[in-house]
Protein backbone atom coordinates (compact mmCIF):
# COMPACT_ATOMS: atom_id res chain seq x y z
CA MET A 1 47.44 -154.05 69.33
CA GLY A 2 44.03 -153.92 67.68
CA LYS A 3 43.14 -151.70 64.81
CA CYS A 4 40.33 -149.23 65.17
CA LEU A 5 38.50 -148.83 61.91
CA VAL A 6 35.94 -146.10 61.60
CA LYS A 7 33.51 -146.23 58.72
CA ILE A 8 32.00 -142.89 57.86
CA ARG A 9 28.78 -142.89 55.89
CA THR A 10 28.83 -140.30 53.16
CA MET A 11 25.89 -138.85 51.33
CA GLU A 12 26.31 -138.88 47.57
CA MET A 13 24.86 -135.80 45.94
CA LYS A 14 23.17 -137.14 42.83
CA THR A 15 21.11 -134.74 40.78
CA ASN A 16 17.45 -135.13 41.74
CA MET A 17 16.02 -131.96 40.19
CA GLY A 18 14.88 -131.38 36.63
CA LEU A 19 15.82 -128.44 34.47
CA LEU A 20 12.53 -126.57 35.01
CA ASP A 21 12.75 -127.02 38.80
CA ARG A 22 16.35 -125.75 38.81
CA ALA A 23 15.54 -122.76 36.59
CA LEU A 24 12.53 -121.72 38.69
CA ARG A 25 14.52 -121.94 41.92
CA THR A 26 17.38 -119.93 40.47
CA LEU A 27 15.07 -117.24 39.08
CA LEU A 28 13.18 -116.99 42.37
CA ALA A 29 16.45 -116.64 44.28
CA ILE A 30 17.60 -113.89 41.93
CA ALA A 31 14.25 -112.10 42.31
CA ILE A 32 14.51 -112.25 46.12
CA LEU A 33 18.09 -110.95 46.05
CA LEU A 34 17.11 -108.14 43.67
CA ALA A 35 14.21 -107.15 45.94
CA TYR A 36 16.65 -107.13 48.88
CA ILE A 37 19.06 -104.87 47.00
CA LEU A 38 16.21 -102.50 46.11
CA GLY A 39 15.16 -102.36 49.77
CA ILE A 40 11.67 -103.79 49.32
CA PHE A 41 11.80 -105.99 52.43
CA ASN A 42 11.52 -104.75 55.99
CA ALA A 43 14.35 -105.44 58.41
CA SER A 44 12.64 -108.33 60.20
CA ALA A 45 12.13 -110.32 56.98
CA GLU A 46 15.53 -109.71 55.41
CA LEU A 47 17.52 -112.46 57.14
CA ALA A 48 14.89 -115.13 56.55
CA LEU A 49 14.40 -114.23 52.89
CA ILE A 50 18.12 -113.97 52.18
CA SER A 51 18.58 -117.41 53.76
CA ILE A 52 15.79 -118.83 51.61
CA ALA A 53 17.29 -117.21 48.51
CA GLY A 54 20.67 -118.75 49.33
CA ILE A 55 19.17 -122.22 49.67
CA LEU A 56 17.18 -121.84 46.45
CA LEU A 57 20.25 -120.61 44.59
CA TRP A 58 22.45 -123.44 45.92
CA THR A 59 19.93 -126.16 45.05
CA GLY A 60 19.24 -124.57 41.67
CA ILE A 61 22.91 -124.43 40.71
CA PHE A 62 23.84 -127.93 41.90
CA GLY A 63 20.56 -129.67 41.02
CA PHE A 64 20.41 -131.46 44.34
CA CYS A 65 17.76 -130.94 47.01
CA PRO A 66 18.34 -132.74 50.35
CA LEU A 67 14.63 -132.56 51.17
CA TYR A 68 13.79 -134.25 47.87
CA MET A 69 16.28 -137.00 48.74
CA ALA A 70 14.73 -137.51 52.17
CA LEU A 71 11.24 -137.72 50.66
CA ASP A 72 12.43 -139.81 47.68
CA ILE A 73 11.23 -137.18 45.18
CA ARG A 74 12.90 -136.68 41.81
CA THR A 75 11.90 -134.11 39.22
CA ASN A 76 14.54 -135.16 36.74
CA ARG A 77 13.98 -137.89 34.18
CA HIS A 78 16.90 -140.08 35.30
CA ARG A 79 15.64 -142.46 37.96
């Protein structure tokens, strides 16, 4: 009987964002979430802005932006 080997390609999440980029994203996400809590947004914009805030917060915390990786952009000093 033959063996079936499956090779799965994994994406390594290396930090590709600098400290300033991460801080700005995190602060912007917090500002959007605070505006949502205060009820500044209308109902039609809430879902989109909360989604954007979640993405900004995630990338800011982990220091990895998939779009930066796809475009070969790095804002950190380690190349």
